[in-house]
Amino acid sequence: MLDVYRVEAGAKLVIAGGLSAEVIENMGDGEWLRIRLLSGDHPGEEELCHATDVLELA
């Protein structure tokens, strides 16, 4: 699991399911990031992503 405390807005991620996402906001709690999906069935959709769903920095 990636330490999401250090992930900044604008960072690109690979998340669960092999999806690509961009960080919009780091909630600062070490668990949640607000992201924008860049791939998959709903590109452009914004959602919360838990730290356990982050596979790697892209």
C-alpha atoms as a PDB file:
ATOM      1  CA  MET A   1       0.000   0.000   0.000  1.00  0.00           C
ATOM      2  CA  LEU A   2       1.300   3.426  -0.985  1.00  0.00           C
ATOM      3  CA  ASP A   3       1.689   6.109   1.705  1.00  0.00           C
ATOM      4  CA  VAL A   4      -0.991   8.500   0.429  1.00  0.00           C
ATOM      5  CA  TYR A   5       0.071  11.291   2.808  1.00  0.00           C
ATOM      6  CA  ARG A   6       2.768  12.158   0.255  1.00  0.00           C
ATOM      7  CA  VAL A   7       0.631  11.990  -2.893  1.00  0.00           C
ATOM      8  CA  GLU A   8       0.024  15.465  -4.298  1.00  0.00           C
ATOM      9  CA  ALA A   9      -2.764  16.829  -6.469  1.00  0.00           C
ATOM     10  CA  GLY A  10      -1.979  16.203 -10.129  1.00  0.00           C
ATOM     11  CA  ALA A  11      -0.253  12.871  -9.493  1.00  0.00           C
ATOM     12  CA  LYS A  12      -1.225  10.036 -11.813  1.00  0.00           C
ATOM     13  CA  LEU A  13      -2.129   6.687 -10.252  1.00  0.00           C
ATOM     14  CA  VAL A  14      -2.931   3.131 -11.190  1.00  0.00           C
ATOM     15  CA  ILE A  15      -5.809   1.995  -9.005  1.00  0.00           C
ATOM     16  CA  ALA A  16      -7.721  -1.248  -8.436  1.00  0.00           C
ATOM     17  CA  GLY A  17      -8.922  -2.791 -11.664  1.00  0.00           C
ATOM     18  CA  GLY A  18      -5.894  -1.414 -13.534  1.00  0.00           C
ATOM     19  CA  LEU A  19      -7.590   1.950 -14.027  1.00  0.00           C
ATOM     20  CA  SER A  20      -5.685   5.193 -14.496  1.00  0.00           C
ATOM     21  CA  ALA A  21      -6.603   8.187 -12.360  1.00  0.00           C
ATOM     22  CA  GLU A  22      -5.426  11.692 -11.510  1.00  0.00           C
ATOM     23  CA  VAL A  23      -5.437  13.013  -7.959  1.00  0.00           C
ATOM     24  CA  ILE A  24      -7.640  16.087  -7.565  1.00  0.00           C
ATOM     25  CA  GLU A  25      -7.267  16.449  -3.805  1.00  0.00           C
ATOM     26  CA  ASN A  26      -5.463  14.689  -0.993  1.00  0.00           C
ATOM     27  CA  MET A  27      -7.852  14.622   1.951  1.00  0.00           C
ATOM     28  CA  GLY A  28      -4.857  14.693   4.330  1.00  0.00           C
ATOM     29  CA  ASP A  29      -6.037  11.802   6.495  1.00  0.00           C
ATOM     30  CA  GLY A  30      -3.694   9.165   5.086  1.00  0.00           C
ATOM     31  CA  GLU A  31      -6.604   7.150   3.722  1.00  0.00           C
ATOM     32  CA  TRP A  32      -8.616   9.006   1.085  1.00  0.00           C
ATOM     33  CA  LEU A  33      -7.871  10.770  -2.193  1.00  0.00           C
ATOM     34  CA  ARG A  34     -10.351  12.535  -4.453  1.00  0.00           C
ATOM     35  CA  ILE A  35      -9.568  11.342  -7.977  1.00  0.00           C
ATOM     36  CA  ARG A  36     -10.655  11.788 -11.594  1.00  0.00           C
ATOM     37  CA  LEU A  37     -10.786   8.585 -13.618  1.00  0.00           C
ATOM     38  CA  LEU A  38      -8.740   8.709 -16.815  1.00  0.00           C
ATOM     39  CA  SER A  39      -9.694   5.271 -18.148  1.00  0.00           C
ATOM     40  CA  GLY A  40     -12.396   2.656 -17.873  1.00  0.00           C
ATOM     41  CA  ASP A  41     -16.103   2.998 -18.550  1.00  0.00           C
ATOM     42  CA  HIS A  42     -16.461   6.451 -16.968  1.00  0.00           C
ATOM     43  CA  PRO A  43     -13.439   8.638 -17.795  1.00  0.00           C
ATOM     44  CA  GLY A  44     -13.729  12.099 -16.294  1.00  0.00           C
ATOM     45  CA  GLU A  45     -15.840  10.881 -13.380  1.00  0.00           C
ATOM     46  CA  GLU A  46     -14.696  12.042  -9.948  1.00  0.00           C
ATOM     47  CA  GLU A  47     -14.779   9.810  -6.887  1.00  0.00           C
ATOM     48  CA  LEU A  48     -13.064   9.041  -3.603  1.00  0.00           C
ATOM     49  CA  CYS A  49     -10.341   6.413  -3.641  1.00  0.00           C
ATOM     50  CA  HIS A  50      -9.171   4.598  -0.517  1.00  0.00           C
ATOM     51  CA  ALA A  51      -5.432   4.055   0.014  1.00  0.00           C
ATOM     52  CA  THR A  52      -5.876   0.281  -0.246  1.00  0.00           C
ATOM     53  CA  ASP A  53      -7.122   0.722  -3.846  1.00  0.00           C
ATOM     54  CA  VAL A  54      -3.980   2.578  -4.977  1.00  0.00           C
ATOM     55  CA  LEU A  55      -1.631   0.149  -6.721  1.00  0.00           C
ATOM     56  CA  GLU A  56       1.170   2.511  -7.796  1.00  0.00           C
ATOM     57  CA  LEU A  57       2.134   5.957  -8.982  1.00  0.00           C
ATOM     58  CA  ALA A  58       2.006   6.083 -12.772  1.00  0.00           C
END
